[in-house]
Amino acid sequence: MRPQMAIVLSCDDAAGPHVVAGYAETLSLIERLHRLVLDVIKDELERSEQLELTAVQALLLFNIGARTLTAGELRSRGYYQGSNVSYNVKKLAEAGFIEHRRSDLDRRTVRIRLTARGMEIHGIVADLLRRHAADLGLADWLRPDGFDRVNQFLRRLERYWTEEIRFAY
């Protein structure tokens, strides 16, 4: 069990102690959920005897899917959250999960797409997510508007943080 991140904030703000505490809990939950989904994917890879790649790499393959993208597009579209995307792209190419080649128009740009091996991993992660969605639906956790509302909130939070970064410079 990982220790929980403790966030200590002053509650002297106009937002009030409940808003600040709720915001801090949301930040902590986002971090823990990201780590947990990687653990879930890692376990699924082990069950599928796919031991040569990490959960981060499998999630990257899932997000690429049938598209052909550049490394920059992986980051800008939110498909990859790490700072070492080029390292993972290189490792995935060496292992035969993706193929990459330089653009004929701009030799600085590398186009990335999945190989058959990469599509197999994409399928494993997609099946995992479908099973989870079905389980959550049967448990009545997935209501038609539940995730829509959560996602709407998280997109607004993402926009807020993006604007904070933009205006900081």
C-alpha atoms as a PDB file:
ATOM      1  CA  MET A   1       0.000   0.000   0.000  1.00  0.00           C
ATOM      2  CA  ARG A   2       1.399   3.360  -1.011  1.00  0.00           C
ATOM      3  CA  PRO A   3       1.340   6.218   1.464  1.00  0.00           C
ATOM      4  CA  GLN A   4      -1.222   8.875   0.649  1.00  0.00           C
ATOM      5  CA  MET A   5      -0.054  12.270  -0.488  1.00  0.00           C
ATOM      6  CA  ALA A   6      -0.761  14.815   2.233  1.00  0.00           C
ATOM      7  CA  ILE A   7      -1.709  18.244   0.966  1.00  0.00           C
ATOM      8  CA  VAL A   8      -1.694  21.012   3.521  1.00  0.00           C
ATOM      9  CA  LEU A   9      -3.218  24.313   2.464  1.00  0.00           C
ATOM     10  CA  SER A  10      -4.155  27.409   4.351  1.00  0.00           C
ATOM     11  CA  CYS A  11      -7.894  27.781   4.743  1.00  0.00           C
ATOM     12  CA  ASP A  12      -7.803  31.545   5.143  1.00  0.00           C
ATOM     13  CA  ASP A  13      -8.849  32.038   1.525  1.00  0.00           C
ATOM     14  CA  ALA A  14     -12.188  33.392   0.381  1.00  0.00           C
ATOM     15  CA  ALA A  15     -12.991  29.908  -0.953  1.00  0.00           C
ATOM     16  CA  GLY A  16     -13.376  28.610   2.565  1.00  0.00           C
ATOM     17  CA  PRO A  17     -12.004  25.516   4.267  1.00  0.00           C
ATOM     18  CA  HIS A  18     -14.464  23.062   2.658  1.00  0.00           C
ATOM     19  CA  VAL A  19     -13.650  24.158  -0.889  1.00  0.00           C
ATOM     20  CA  VAL A  20      -9.900  24.071  -0.242  1.00  0.00           C
ATOM     21  CA  ALA A  21     -10.131  20.642   1.405  1.00  0.00           C
ATOM     22  CA  GLY A  22     -12.294  19.315  -1.436  1.00  0.00           C
ATOM     23  CA  TYR A  23      -9.881  20.650  -4.036  1.00  0.00           C
ATOM     24  CA  ALA A  24      -6.912  19.064  -2.223  1.00  0.00           C
ATOM     25  CA  GLU A  25      -8.745  15.732  -2.028  1.00  0.00           C
ATOM     26  CA  THR A  26      -9.537  15.891  -5.765  1.00  0.00           C
ATOM     27  CA  LEU A  27      -5.843  16.426  -6.557  1.00  0.00           C
ATOM     28  CA  SER A  28      -4.877  13.481  -4.386  1.00  0.00           C
ATOM     29  CA  LEU A  29      -7.548  11.253  -5.972  1.00  0.00           C
ATOM     30  CA  ILE A  30      -6.422  12.128  -9.496  1.00  0.00           C
ATOM     31  CA  GLU A  31      -2.861  11.124  -8.670  1.00  0.00           C
ATOM     32  CA  ARG A  32      -3.895   7.882  -6.928  1.00  0.00           C
ATOM     33  CA  LEU A  33      -6.300   6.919  -9.721  1.00  0.00           C
ATOM     34  CA  HIS A  34      -3.593   7.373 -12.334  1.00  0.00           C
ATOM     35  CA  ARG A  35      -1.238   5.121 -10.367  1.00  0.00           C
ATOM     36  CA  LEU A  36      -3.992   2.554  -9.817  1.00  0.00           C
ATOM     37  CA  VAL A  37      -4.970   2.337 -13.484  1.00  0.00           C
ATOM     38  CA  LEU A  38      -1.327   1.678 -14.310  1.00  0.00           C
ATOM     39  CA  ASP A  39      -1.293  -1.119 -11.694  1.00  0.00           C
ATOM     40  CA  VAL A  40      -4.492  -2.584 -13.173  1.00  0.00           C
ATOM     41  CA  ILE A  41      -2.990  -2.517 -16.677  1.00  0.00           C
ATOM     42  CA  LYS A  42       0.260  -4.046 -15.381  1.00  0.00           C
ATOM     43  CA  ASP A  43      -1.698  -6.922 -13.809  1.00  0.00           C
ATOM     44  CA  GLU A  44      -3.606  -7.484 -17.062  1.00  0.00           C
ATOM     45  CA  LEU A  45      -0.352  -7.556 -19.013  1.00  0.00           C
ATOM     46  CA  GLU A  46       1.026 -10.153 -16.608  1.00  0.00           C
ATOM     47  CA  ARG A  47      -2.138 -12.291 -16.962  1.00  0.00           C
ATOM     48  CA  SER A  48      -1.760 -12.028 -20.749  1.00  0.00           C
ATOM     49  CA  GLU A  49       1.924 -12.954 -20.460  1.00  0.00           C
ATOM     50  CA  GLN A  50       2.974  -9.658 -22.040  1.00  0.00           C
ATOM     51  CA  LEU A  51       5.958  -9.000 -19.806  1.00  0.00           C
ATOM     52  CA  GLU A  52       8.198  -7.014 -22.130  1.00  0.00           C
ATOM     53  CA  LEU A  53       6.512  -3.633 -21.806  1.00  0.00           C
ATOM     54  CA  THR A  54       5.386  -1.366 -19.011  1.00  0.00           C
ATOM     55  CA  ALA A  55       1.855  -0.284 -18.186  1.00  0.00           C
ATOM     56  CA  VAL A  56       2.713   3.245 -19.347  1.00  0.00           C
ATOM     57  CA  GLN A  57       3.837   1.852 -22.697  1.00  0.00           C
ATOM     58  CA  ALA A  58       0.680  -0.295 -22.992  1.00  0.00           C
ATOM     59  CA  LEU A  59      -1.509   2.729 -22.270  1.00  0.00           C
ATOM     60  CA  LEU A  60       0.425   4.672 -24.895  1.00  0.00           C
ATOM     61  CA  LEU A  61      -0.246   1.897 -27.440  1.00  0.00           C
ATOM     62  CA  PHE A  62      -3.925   1.890 -26.494  1.00  0.00           C
ATOM     63  CA  ASN A  63      -4.164   5.641 -27.036  1.00  0.00           C
ATOM     64  CA  ILE A  64      -2.436   5.523 -30.419  1.00  0.00           C
ATOM     65  CA  GLY A  65      -4.792   2.814 -31.684  1.00  0.00           C
ATOM     66  CA  ALA A  66      -5.218   2.798 -35.467  1.00  0.00           C
ATOM     67  CA  ARG A  67      -3.969   6.385 -35.879  1.00  0.00           C
ATOM     68  CA  THR A  68      -0.650   7.571 -37.265  1.00  0.00           C
ATOM     69  CA  LEU A  69       0.747  10.350 -35.083  1.00  0.00           C
ATOM     70  CA  THR A  70       3.862  12.323 -34.302  1.00  0.00           C
ATOM     71  CA  ALA A  71       5.463  12.307 -30.854  1.00  0.00           C
ATOM     72  CA  GLY A  72       4.324  15.918 -30.438  1.00  0.00           C
ATOM     73  CA  GLU A  73       0.733  14.915 -31.174  1.00  0.00           C
ATOM     74  CA  LEU A  74       0.946  12.208 -28.513  1.00  0.00           C
ATOM     75  CA  ARG A  75       1.688  14.888 -25.936  1.00  0.00           C
ATOM     76  CA  SER A  76      -0.585  17.642 -27.243  1.00  0.00           C
ATOM     77  CA  ARG A  77      -3.615  15.350 -27.529  1.00  0.00           C
ATOM     78  CA  GLY A  78      -3.083  14.114 -23.990  1.00  0.00           C
ATOM     79  CA  TYR A  79      -2.331  10.522 -25.033  1.00  0.00           C
ATOM     80  CA  TYR A  80       0.935  10.476 -23.131  1.00  0.00           C
ATOM     81  CA  GLN A  81       1.600  12.132 -19.825  1.00  0.00           C
ATOM     82  CA  GLY A  82       5.306  11.457 -19.381  1.00  0.00           C
ATOM     83  CA  SER A  83       8.267  13.658 -20.105  1.00  0.00           C
ATOM     84  CA  ASN A  84      10.174  10.811 -21.744  1.00  0.00           C
ATOM     85  CA  VAL A  85       7.913  10.063 -24.706  1.00  0.00           C
ATOM     86  CA  SER A  86      10.891   9.713 -27.069  1.00  0.00           C
ATOM     87  CA  TYR A  87      12.440   7.073 -24.800  1.00  0.00           C
ATOM     88  CA  ASN A  88       9.237   5.004 -24.765  1.00  0.00           C
ATOM     89  CA  VAL A  89       8.717   5.423 -28.510  1.00  0.00           C
ATOM     90  CA  LYS A  90      12.277   4.203 -29.082  1.00  0.00           C
ATOM     91  CA  LYS A  91      11.813   1.195 -26.770  1.00  0.00           C
ATOM     92  CA  LEU A  92       8.447   0.297 -28.322  1.00  0.00           C
ATOM     93  CA  ALA A  93       9.965   0.504 -31.802  1.00  0.00           C
ATOM     94  CA  GLU A  94      12.933  -1.671 -30.785  1.00  0.00           C
ATOM     95  CA  ALA A  95      10.529  -4.263 -29.346  1.00  0.00           C
ATOM     96  CA  GLY A  96       8.391  -4.254 -32.495  1.00  0.00           C
ATOM     97  CA  PHE A  97       5.229  -2.700 -31.037  1.00  0.00           C
ATOM     98  CA  ILE A  98       5.354   0.443 -33.161  1.00  0.00           C
ATOM     99  CA  GLU A  99       6.995   1.500 -36.354  1.00  0.00           C
ATOM    100  CA  HIS A 100       8.222   4.992 -36.921  1.00  0.00           C
ATOM    101  CA  ARG A 101       9.658   6.754 -39.904  1.00  0.00           C
ATOM    102  CA  ARG A 102      10.672  10.250 -40.771  1.00  0.00           C
ATOM    103  CA  SER A 103       8.237  12.370 -42.724  1.00  0.00           C
ATOM    104  CA  ASP A 104       9.132  12.890 -46.377  1.00  0.00           C
ATOM    105  CA  LEU A 105       8.097  16.551 -46.085  1.00  0.00           C
ATOM    106  CA  ASP A 106       9.771  17.438 -42.788  1.00  0.00           C
ATOM    107  CA  ARG A 107      12.719  15.199 -41.886  1.00  0.00           C
ATOM    108  CA  ARG A 108      12.556  16.406 -38.263  1.00  0.00           C
ATOM    109  CA  THR A 109       9.088  14.860 -37.832  1.00  0.00           C
ATOM    110  CA  VAL A 110       8.724  11.176 -37.009  1.00  0.00           C
ATOM    111  CA  ARG A 111       5.396   9.475 -37.774  1.00  0.00           C
ATOM    112  CA  ILE A 112       4.365   6.668 -35.417  1.00  0.00           C
ATOM    113  CA  ARG A 113       1.875   3.830 -35.891  1.00  0.00           C
ATOM    114  CA  LEU A 114       1.237   0.457 -34.284  1.00  0.00           C
ATOM    115  CA  THR A 115       2.448  -2.818 -35.707  1.00  0.00           C
ATOM    116  CA  ALA A 116       0.406  -6.028 -35.400  1.00  0.00           C
ATOM    117  CA  ARG A 117       2.098  -6.622 -32.014  1.00  0.00           C
ATOM    118  CA  GLY A 118       1.124  -3.107 -30.925  1.00  0.00           C
ATOM    119  CA  MET A 119      -2.471  -3.667 -32.036  1.00  0.00           C
ATOM    120  CA  GLU A 120      -2.524  -6.853 -29.924  1.00  0.00           C
ATOM    121  CA  ILE A 121      -1.638  -4.806 -26.825  1.00  0.00           C
ATOM    122  CA  HIS A 122      -4.190  -2.175 -27.852  1.00  0.00           C
ATOM    123  CA  GLY A 123      -6.794  -4.967 -27.921  1.00  0.00           C
ATOM    124  CA  ILE A 124      -5.795  -6.275 -24.487  1.00  0.00           C
ATOM    125  CA  VAL A 125      -6.204  -2.823 -22.904  1.00  0.00           C
ATOM    126  CA  ALA A 126      -9.445  -2.147 -24.829  1.00  0.00           C
ATOM    127  CA  ASP A 127     -10.897  -5.482 -23.637  1.00  0.00           C
ATOM    128  CA  LEU A 128      -9.891  -4.633 -20.061  1.00  0.00           C
ATOM    129  CA  LEU A 129     -11.668  -1.271 -20.252  1.00  0.00           C
ATOM    130  CA  ARG A 130     -14.780  -2.874 -21.789  1.00  0.00           C
ATOM    131  CA  ARG A 131     -14.897  -5.444 -18.966  1.00  0.00           C
ATOM    132  CA  HIS A 132     -14.559  -2.709 -16.381  1.00  0.00           C
ATOM    133  CA  ALA A 133     -17.307  -0.640 -17.995  1.00  0.00           C
ATOM    134  CA  ALA A 134     -19.588  -3.701 -18.048  1.00  0.00           C
ATOM    135  CA  ASP A 135     -18.804  -4.488 -14.390  1.00  0.00           C
ATOM    136  CA  LEU A 136     -19.453  -0.912 -13.342  1.00  0.00           C
ATOM    137  CA  GLY A 137     -22.700  -0.866 -15.318  1.00  0.00           C
ATOM    138  CA  LEU A 138     -23.920  -4.090 -13.693  1.00  0.00           C
ATOM    139  CA  ALA A 139     -23.012  -2.721 -10.271  1.00  0.00           C
ATOM    140  CA  ASP A 140     -25.089   0.381 -11.125  1.00  0.00           C
ATOM    141  CA  TRP A 141     -22.017   2.585 -10.767  1.00  0.00           C
ATOM    142  CA  LEU A 142     -22.209   3.680 -14.359  1.00  0.00           C
ATOM    143  CA  ARG A 143     -25.264   5.815 -14.785  1.00  0.00           C
ATOM    144  CA  PRO A 144     -25.830   7.523 -18.142  1.00  0.00           C
ATOM    145  CA  ASP A 145     -24.774  10.951 -16.902  1.00  0.00           C
ATOM    146  CA  GLY A 146     -22.345   9.944 -14.133  1.00  0.00           C
ATOM    147  CA  PHE A 147     -19.114   9.835 -16.075  1.00  0.00           C
ATOM    148  CA  ASP A 148     -20.291  12.642 -18.344  1.00  0.00           C
ATOM    149  CA  ARG A 149     -20.526  14.923 -15.316  1.00  0.00           C
ATOM    150  CA  VAL A 150     -17.189  13.764 -13.874  1.00  0.00           C
ATOM    151  CA  ASN A 151     -15.476  14.199 -17.246  1.00  0.00           C
ATOM    152  CA  GLN A 152     -17.040  17.625 -17.711  1.00  0.00           C
ATOM    153  CA  PHE A 153     -15.664  18.702 -14.334  1.00  0.00           C
ATOM    154  CA  LEU A 154     -12.207  17.267 -15.089  1.00  0.00           C
ATOM    155  CA  ARG A 155     -12.097  18.980 -18.514  1.00  0.00           C
ATOM    156  CA  ARG A 156     -12.958  22.303 -16.834  1.00  0.00           C
ATOM    157  CA  LEU A 157     -10.208  21.708 -14.285  1.00  0.00           C
ATOM    158  CA  GLU A 158      -7.800  20.892 -17.128  1.00  0.00           C
ATOM    159  CA  ARG A 159      -8.714  24.142 -18.905  1.00  0.00           C
ATOM    160  CA  TYR A 160      -8.234  26.100 -15.687  1.00  0.00           C
ATOM    161  CA  TRP A 161      -4.768  24.606 -15.106  1.00  0.00           C
ATOM    162  CA  THR A 162      -3.830  25.156 -18.763  1.00  0.00           C
ATOM    163  CA  GLU A 163      -4.793  28.814 -18.495  1.00  0.00           C
ATOM    164  CA  GLU A 164      -2.856  29.128 -15.239  1.00  0.00           C
ATOM    165  CA  ILE A 165       0.254  27.833 -16.992  1.00  0.00           C
ATOM    166  CA  ARG A 166      -0.268  30.053 -20.033  1.00  0.00           C
ATOM    167  CA  PHE A 167      -0.649  33.223 -17.987  1.00  0.00           C
ATOM    168  CA  ALA A 168       2.257  32.438 -15.678  1.00  0.00           C
ATOM    169  CA  TYR A 169       4.747  33.253 -18.440  1.00  0.00           C
END
